[in-house]
């Protein structure tokens, strides 16, 4: 059985992991005959957003503790991740990828990626193992791997920023995946497009299925 590592960035689309993308990615892994282990960095969350009003709340939260809500408590810190133990690495989307795993949301093409995240990506690439990313999380690949070929769908501003960062962006629609054969990267736009949950399920499934094929 192929083993997937899944890195989360909190719990909730506006300040953490997109819950639909995270959950449907886990389901896709099981449906494709794999197993998974979930990780998250043990760091303060950038901020906390009221998901009803969209307003920032006057409180602090921890990315690992919040991610544990999705993982049902079974989640070690990202510092425990070892590429040798897994066949693939997957990043669901959500603004947490751009606020907690990186500062893309604030600095765009000039942003930086959390060192533990970039190390996990580079360790998998060095081992020739695939890395998948949904929604906005391909920005992590763009900032870690110069010249990466990837997709976030068709958003013009994000596309321009990705290309400014050195990535080769491919325009896609629902459920489509882009495969960077040089680096074994697999990306799909998911909620970067105006999508429903069925389309998210298709995108997550196609990414996981493609990753599994690359593991052969």
C-alpha atoms as a PDB file:
ATOM      1  CA  UNK A   1       0.000   0.000   0.000  1.00  0.00           C
ATOM      2  CA  UNK A   2       1.331   3.413  -0.975  1.00  0.00           C
ATOM      3  CA  UNK A   3       1.884   5.767   1.946  1.00  0.00           C
ATOM      4  CA  UNK A   4       0.906   9.427   1.652  1.00  0.00           C
ATOM      5  CA  UNK A   5       1.979  12.214   3.972  1.00  0.00           C
ATOM      6  CA  UNK A   6      -0.570  15.043   4.117  1.00  0.00           C
ATOM      7  CA  UNK A   7       0.453  18.447   5.476  1.00  0.00           C
ATOM      8  CA  UNK A   8      -2.297  20.666   6.863  1.00  0.00           C
ATOM      9  CA  UNK A   9      -2.216  24.363   7.736  1.00  0.00           C
ATOM     10  CA  UNK A  10      -4.991  24.705  10.310  1.00  0.00           C
ATOM     11  CA  UNK A  11      -8.741  24.217  10.094  1.00  0.00           C
ATOM     12  CA  UNK A  12     -10.914  26.479   7.945  1.00  0.00           C
ATOM     13  CA  UNK A  13     -10.611  27.952   4.474  1.00  0.00           C
ATOM     14  CA  UNK A  14      -9.858  31.558   5.439  1.00  0.00           C
ATOM     15  CA  UNK A  15      -7.113  30.939   7.992  1.00  0.00           C
ATOM     16  CA  UNK A  16      -6.149  27.261   7.681  1.00  0.00           C
ATOM     17  CA  UNK A  17      -6.757  24.162   5.579  1.00  0.00           C
ATOM     18  CA  UNK A  18      -9.818  24.004   3.322  1.00  0.00           C
ATOM     19  CA  UNK A  19     -11.810  21.286   5.070  1.00  0.00           C
ATOM     20  CA  UNK A  20     -13.526  19.862   1.984  1.00  0.00           C
ATOM     21  CA  UNK A  21     -10.224  19.576   0.115  1.00  0.00           C
ATOM     22  CA  UNK A  22      -8.470  18.032   3.102  1.00  0.00           C
ATOM     23  CA  UNK A  23     -11.181  15.484   3.859  1.00  0.00           C
ATOM     24  CA  UNK A  24     -11.797  14.518   0.246  1.00  0.00           C
ATOM     25  CA  UNK A  25      -8.058  14.108  -0.299  1.00  0.00           C
ATOM     26  CA  UNK A  26      -7.923  11.642   2.590  1.00  0.00           C
ATOM     27  CA  UNK A  27     -10.896   9.754   1.144  1.00  0.00           C
ATOM     28  CA  UNK A  28      -9.241   9.702  -2.293  1.00  0.00           C
ATOM     29  CA  UNK A  29      -6.087   8.203  -0.805  1.00  0.00           C
ATOM     30  CA  UNK A  30      -8.067   5.355   0.775  1.00  0.00           C
ATOM     31  CA  UNK A  31     -10.161   4.852  -2.385  1.00  0.00           C
ATOM     32  CA  UNK A  32      -6.955   4.493  -4.390  1.00  0.00           C
ATOM     33  CA  UNK A  33      -5.613   1.805  -2.088  1.00  0.00           C
ATOM     34  CA  UNK A  34      -3.257   3.983  -0.078  1.00  0.00           C
ATOM     35  CA  UNK A  35      -2.753   4.980   3.533  1.00  0.00           C
ATOM     36  CA  UNK A  36      -2.049   8.387   4.999  1.00  0.00           C
ATOM     37  CA  UNK A  37      -0.466  10.164   7.922  1.00  0.00           C
ATOM     38  CA  UNK A  38      -1.253  13.798   8.639  1.00  0.00           C
ATOM     39  CA  UNK A  39       1.256  16.432   9.773  1.00  0.00           C
ATOM     40  CA  UNK A  40       1.167  20.142  10.575  1.00  0.00           C
ATOM     41  CA  UNK A  41       3.708  22.654  11.844  1.00  0.00           C
ATOM     42  CA  UNK A  42       3.605  23.390  15.570  1.00  0.00           C
ATOM     43  CA  UNK A  43       3.486  27.179  15.166  1.00  0.00           C
ATOM     44  CA  UNK A  44       1.114  30.050  15.958  1.00  0.00           C
ATOM     45  CA  UNK A  45      -1.568  30.625  13.332  1.00  0.00           C
ATOM     46  CA  UNK A  46      -1.091  33.926  11.496  1.00  0.00           C
ATOM     47  CA  UNK A  47      -4.535  35.113  12.544  1.00  0.00           C
ATOM     48  CA  UNK A  48      -8.025  33.799  13.259  1.00  0.00           C
ATOM     49  CA  UNK A  49     -10.925  34.614  10.941  1.00  0.00           C
ATOM     50  CA  UNK A  50     -14.618  34.520  11.786  1.00  0.00           C
ATOM     51  CA  UNK A  51     -15.840  32.319   8.937  1.00  0.00           C
ATOM     52  CA  UNK A  52     -19.326  33.858   9.065  1.00  0.00           C
ATOM     53  CA  UNK A  53     -18.363  37.529   8.862  1.00  0.00           C
ATOM     54  CA  UNK A  54     -14.884  37.260   7.333  1.00  0.00           C
ATOM     55  CA  UNK A  55     -13.544  39.524  10.075  1.00  0.00           C
ATOM     56  CA  UNK A  56     -10.364  38.936  12.048  1.00  0.00           C
ATOM     57  CA  UNK A  57     -10.902  37.809  15.648  1.00  0.00           C
ATOM     58  CA  UNK A  58      -8.943  38.936  18.693  1.00  0.00           C
ATOM     59  CA  UNK A  59      -7.549  35.549  19.649  1.00  0.00           C
ATOM     60  CA  UNK A  60      -4.616  33.261  18.910  1.00  0.00           C
ATOM     61  CA  UNK A  61      -4.547  29.624  17.816  1.00  0.00           C
ATOM     62  CA  UNK A  62      -1.940  26.991  17.010  1.00  0.00           C
ATOM     63  CA  UNK A  63      -1.690  25.429  13.536  1.00  0.00           C
ATOM     64  CA  UNK A  64      -1.002  21.911  14.831  1.00  0.00           C
ATOM     65  CA  UNK A  65      -3.847  22.020  17.350  1.00  0.00           C
ATOM     66  CA  UNK A  66      -6.290  23.380  14.792  1.00  0.00           C
ATOM     67  CA  UNK A  67      -5.218  20.800  12.192  1.00  0.00           C
ATOM     68  CA  UNK A  68      -5.878  18.102  14.778  1.00  0.00           C
ATOM     69  CA  UNK A  69      -9.584  18.876  14.395  1.00  0.00           C
ATOM     70  CA  UNK A  70      -9.454  17.458  10.867  1.00  0.00           C
ATOM     71  CA  UNK A  71      -7.048  14.657  11.799  1.00  0.00           C
ATOM     72  CA  UNK A  72      -9.258  13.603  14.742  1.00  0.00           C
ATOM     73  CA  UNK A  73      -6.292  14.098  17.047  1.00  0.00           C
ATOM     74  CA  UNK A  74      -3.962  11.701  15.243  1.00  0.00           C
ATOM     75  CA  UNK A  75      -1.335  14.162  14.034  1.00  0.00           C
ATOM     76  CA  UNK A  76       2.358  14.669  14.817  1.00  0.00           C
ATOM     77  CA  UNK A  77       4.224  17.922  14.313  1.00  0.00           C
ATOM     78  CA  UNK A  78       5.778  18.528  10.905  1.00  0.00           C
ATOM     79  CA  UNK A  79       9.221  18.247  12.523  1.00  0.00           C
ATOM     80  CA  UNK A  80       8.586  14.483  12.808  1.00  0.00           C
ATOM     81  CA  UNK A  81       8.151  14.074   9.035  1.00  0.00           C
ATOM     82  CA  UNK A  82      10.677  11.846   7.256  1.00  0.00           C
ATOM     83  CA  UNK A  83      10.558  11.481   3.482  1.00  0.00           C
ATOM     84  CA  UNK A  84      11.968   7.960   3.717  1.00  0.00           C
ATOM     85  CA  UNK A  85       8.729   6.775   5.350  1.00  0.00           C
ATOM     86  CA  UNK A  86       6.394   7.892   2.557  1.00  0.00           C
ATOM     87  CA  UNK A  87       5.762   7.420  -1.152  1.00  0.00           C
ATOM     88  CA  UNK A  88       4.105  10.797  -1.748  1.00  0.00           C
ATOM     89  CA  UNK A  89       3.427  14.167  -0.137  1.00  0.00           C
ATOM     90  CA  UNK A  90       0.148  16.067  -0.502  1.00  0.00           C
ATOM     91  CA  UNK A  91      -0.897  19.637   0.364  1.00  0.00           C
ATOM     92  CA  UNK A  92      -4.630  20.449   0.450  1.00  0.00           C
ATOM     93  CA  UNK A  93      -5.492  24.106  -0.117  1.00  0.00           C
ATOM     94  CA  UNK A  94      -7.009  26.820   2.019  1.00  0.00           C
ATOM     95  CA  UNK A  95      -5.553  30.211   2.877  1.00  0.00           C
ATOM     96  CA  UNK A  96      -3.486  28.584   5.605  1.00  0.00           C
ATOM     97  CA  UNK A  97      -1.089  27.460   2.880  1.00  0.00           C
ATOM     98  CA  UNK A  98      -0.585  31.124   1.990  1.00  0.00           C
ATOM     99  CA  UNK A  99      -0.684  32.470   5.561  1.00  0.00           C
ATOM    100  CA  UNK A 100       0.778  29.762   7.806  1.00  0.00           C
ATOM    101  CA  UNK A 101       2.876  27.478   5.580  1.00  0.00           C
ATOM    102  CA  UNK A 102       4.129  30.547   3.705  1.00  0.00           C
ATOM    103  CA  UNK A 103       3.496  34.290   3.598  1.00  0.00           C
ATOM    104  CA  UNK A 104       2.311  34.276  -0.022  1.00  0.00           C
ATOM    105  CA  UNK A 105      -0.954  35.996   0.947  1.00  0.00           C
ATOM    106  CA  UNK A 106       1.003  39.055   2.035  1.00  0.00           C
ATOM    107  CA  UNK A 107       4.069  39.127  -0.219  1.00  0.00           C
ATOM    108  CA  UNK A 108       3.118  37.156  -3.357  1.00  0.00           C
ATOM    109  CA  UNK A 109       6.083  36.455  -5.612  1.00  0.00           C
ATOM    110  CA  UNK A 110       8.423  37.869  -2.947  1.00  0.00           C
ATOM    111  CA  UNK A 111       7.125  35.526  -0.248  1.00  0.00           C
ATOM    112  CA  UNK A 112       8.970  32.792   1.609  1.00  0.00           C
ATOM    113  CA  UNK A 113       7.979  29.260   2.599  1.00  0.00           C
ATOM    114  CA  UNK A 114       8.167  27.887   6.122  1.00  0.00           C
ATOM    115  CA  UNK A 115      11.545  26.085   6.333  1.00  0.00           C
ATOM    116  CA  UNK A 116      10.002  22.800   7.491  1.00  0.00           C
ATOM    117  CA  UNK A 117       7.646  22.836   4.517  1.00  0.00           C
ATOM    118  CA  UNK A 118      10.337  23.562   1.938  1.00  0.00           C
ATOM    119  CA  UNK A 119      12.525  20.865   3.512  1.00  0.00           C
ATOM    120  CA  UNK A 120       9.720  18.301   3.242  1.00  0.00           C
ATOM    121  CA  UNK A 121       9.191  19.185  -0.429  1.00  0.00           C
ATOM    122  CA  UNK A 122      12.891  19.094  -1.273  1.00  0.00           C
ATOM    123  CA  UNK A 123      13.421  15.818   0.584  1.00  0.00           C
ATOM    124  CA  UNK A 124      10.653  14.163  -1.439  1.00  0.00           C
ATOM    125  CA  UNK A 125      12.011  15.561  -4.695  1.00  0.00           C
ATOM    126  CA  UNK A 126      15.512  14.360  -3.873  1.00  0.00           C
ATOM    127  CA  UNK A 127      14.058  10.884  -3.388  1.00  0.00           C
ATOM    128  CA  UNK A 128      12.171  11.055  -6.703  1.00  0.00           C
ATOM    129  CA  UNK A 129       8.795  10.895  -4.962  1.00  0.00           C
ATOM    130  CA  UNK A 130       5.716  12.844  -6.127  1.00  0.00           C
ATOM    131  CA  UNK A 131       4.352  15.944  -4.439  1.00  0.00           C
ATOM    132  CA  UNK A 132       0.736  17.004  -4.943  1.00  0.00           C
ATOM    133  CA  UNK A 133      -0.896  20.364  -4.240  1.00  0.00           C
ATOM    134  CA  UNK A 134      -4.490  21.591  -4.459  1.00  0.00           C
ATOM    135  CA  UNK A 135      -6.037  25.045  -4.780  1.00  0.00           C
ATOM    136  CA  UNK A 136      -3.619  27.792  -3.628  1.00  0.00           C
ATOM    137  CA  UNK A 137      -1.017  25.396  -2.180  1.00  0.00           C
ATOM    138  CA  UNK A 138       0.902  25.109  -5.495  1.00  0.00           C
ATOM    139  CA  UNK A 139       2.425  28.462  -4.506  1.00  0.00           C
ATOM    140  CA  UNK A 140       4.501  26.445  -2.012  1.00  0.00           C
ATOM    141  CA  UNK A 141       5.962  24.486  -4.919  1.00  0.00           C
ATOM    142  CA  UNK A 142       6.523  27.615  -6.988  1.00  0.00           C
ATOM    143  CA  UNK A 143       8.551  29.228  -4.213  1.00  0.00           C
ATOM    144  CA  UNK A 144      10.506  26.055  -3.401  1.00  0.00           C
ATOM    145  CA  UNK A 145      11.247  24.789  -6.913  1.00  0.00           C
ATOM    146  CA  UNK A 146      12.302  27.281  -9.549  1.00  0.00           C
ATOM    147  CA  UNK A 147      10.709  26.604 -12.905  1.00  0.00           C
ATOM    148  CA  UNK A 148       7.999  24.304 -11.554  1.00  0.00           C
ATOM    149  CA  UNK A 149       5.120  23.606 -13.932  1.00  0.00           C
ATOM    150  CA  UNK A 150       1.802  23.829 -12.114  1.00  0.00           C
ATOM    151  CA  UNK A 151      -1.738  25.205 -12.001  1.00  0.00           C
ATOM    152  CA  UNK A 152      -4.034  27.206  -9.748  1.00  0.00           C
ATOM    153  CA  UNK A 153      -6.756  27.362 -12.405  1.00  0.00           C
ATOM    154  CA  UNK A 154      -7.231  30.642 -14.252  1.00  0.00           C
ATOM    155  CA  UNK A 155      -6.959  33.515 -11.740  1.00  0.00           C
ATOM    156  CA  UNK A 156      -5.028  36.225 -13.595  1.00  0.00           C
ATOM    157  CA  UNK A 157      -3.446  37.964 -10.604  1.00  0.00           C
ATOM    158  CA  UNK A 158      -2.242  34.746  -8.981  1.00  0.00           C
ATOM    159  CA  UNK A 159      -1.018  33.453 -12.325  1.00  0.00           C
ATOM    160  CA  UNK A 160       1.004  36.627 -12.878  1.00  0.00           C
ATOM    161  CA  UNK A 161       2.536  36.357  -9.417  1.00  0.00           C
ATOM    162  CA  UNK A 162       3.421  32.694  -9.944  1.00  0.00           C
ATOM    163  CA  UNK A 163       5.096  33.440 -13.247  1.00  0.00           C
ATOM    164  CA  UNK A 164       6.943  36.345 -11.628  1.00  0.00           C
ATOM    165  CA  UNK A 165       8.203  33.854  -9.045  1.00  0.00           C
ATOM    166  CA  UNK A 166       9.584  31.707 -11.873  1.00  0.00           C
ATOM    167  CA  UNK A 167       6.847  29.098 -12.217  1.00  0.00           C
ATOM    168  CA  UNK A 168       5.368  27.897 -15.502  1.00  0.00           C
ATOM    169  CA  UNK A 169       1.601  28.186 -15.022  1.00  0.00           C
ATOM    170  CA  UNK A 170      -0.871  26.084 -17.024  1.00  0.00           C
ATOM    171  CA  UNK A 171      -4.491  27.254 -17.199  1.00  0.00           C
ATOM    172  CA  UNK A 172      -6.946  24.521 -16.162  1.00  0.00           C
ATOM    173  CA  UNK A 173     -10.581  23.914 -15.274  1.00  0.00           C
ATOM    174  CA  UNK A 174     -12.412  21.654 -12.824  1.00  0.00           C
ATOM    175  CA  UNK A 175     -10.806  18.295 -12.134  1.00  0.00           C
ATOM    176  CA  UNK A 176      -7.880  18.843 -14.482  1.00  0.00           C
ATOM    177  CA  UNK A 177      -4.381  18.135 -13.265  1.00  0.00           C
ATOM    178  CA  UNK A 178      -1.004  19.409 -14.367  1.00  0.00           C
ATOM    179  CA  UNK A 179       1.940  17.025 -14.119  1.00  0.00           C
ATOM    180  CA  UNK A 180       5.462  18.369 -13.944  1.00  0.00           C
ATOM    181  CA  UNK A 181       7.313  15.277 -15.150  1.00  0.00           C
ATOM    182  CA  UNK A 182      10.710  16.734 -14.356  1.00  0.00           C
ATOM    183  CA  UNK A 183       9.944  17.100 -10.642  1.00  0.00           C
ATOM    184  CA  UNK A 184       6.968  14.706 -10.238  1.00  0.00           C
ATOM    185  CA  UNK A 185       4.599  17.502  -9.199  1.00  0.00           C
ATOM    186  CA  UNK A 186       0.820  17.120  -9.499  1.00  0.00           C
ATOM    187  CA  UNK A 187      -1.506  20.111  -9.097  1.00  0.00           C
ATOM    188  CA  UNK A 188      -5.199  20.926  -9.562  1.00  0.00           C
ATOM    189  CA  UNK A 189      -7.182  24.171  -8.960  1.00  0.00           C
ATOM    190  CA  UNK A 190     -10.104  22.972  -6.777  1.00  0.00           C
ATOM    191  CA  UNK A 191     -11.572  25.999  -4.920  1.00  0.00           C
ATOM    192  CA  UNK A 192      -9.357  28.469  -6.759  1.00  0.00           C
ATOM    193  CA  UNK A 193     -12.211  28.100  -9.241  1.00  0.00           C
ATOM    194  CA  UNK A 194     -15.895  28.645  -8.470  1.00  0.00           C
ATOM    195  CA  UNK A 195     -16.520  25.013  -7.579  1.00  0.00           C
ATOM    196  CA  UNK A 196     -18.980  22.741  -5.818  1.00  0.00           C
ATOM    197  CA  UNK A 197     -18.040  19.887  -3.509  1.00  0.00           C
ATOM    198  CA  UNK A 198     -18.505  17.260  -6.244  1.00  0.00           C
ATOM    199  CA  UNK A 199     -15.952  19.071  -8.402  1.00  0.00           C
ATOM    200  CA  UNK A 200     -13.591  19.253  -5.425  1.00  0.00           C
ATOM    201  CA  UNK A 201     -13.929  15.505  -4.956  1.00  0.00           C
ATOM    202  CA  UNK A 202     -13.046  14.962  -8.608  1.00  0.00           C
ATOM    203  CA  UNK A 203      -9.996  17.204  -8.410  1.00  0.00           C
ATOM    204  CA  UNK A 204      -8.711  15.586  -5.221  1.00  0.00           C
ATOM    205  CA  UNK A 205      -9.294  12.104  -6.643  1.00  0.00           C
ATOM    206  CA  UNK A 206      -7.506  12.907  -9.894  1.00  0.00           C
ATOM    207  CA  UNK A 207      -4.486  14.323  -8.047  1.00  0.00           C
ATOM    208  CA  UNK A 208      -4.200  11.302  -5.763  1.00  0.00           C
ATOM    209  CA  UNK A 209      -4.731   8.835  -8.621  1.00  0.00           C
ATOM    210  CA  UNK A 210      -2.051  10.568 -10.683  1.00  0.00           C
ATOM    211  CA  UNK A 211       0.353  10.583  -7.751  1.00  0.00           C
ATOM    212  CA  UNK A 212      -0.256   6.868  -7.213  1.00  0.00           C
ATOM    213  CA  UNK A 213       0.570   6.211 -10.873  1.00  0.00           C
ATOM    214  CA  UNK A 214       3.814   8.162 -10.520  1.00  0.00           C
ATOM    215  CA  UNK A 215       4.753   5.977  -7.555  1.00  0.00           C
ATOM    216  CA  UNK A 216       4.776   2.836  -9.704  1.00  0.00           C
END
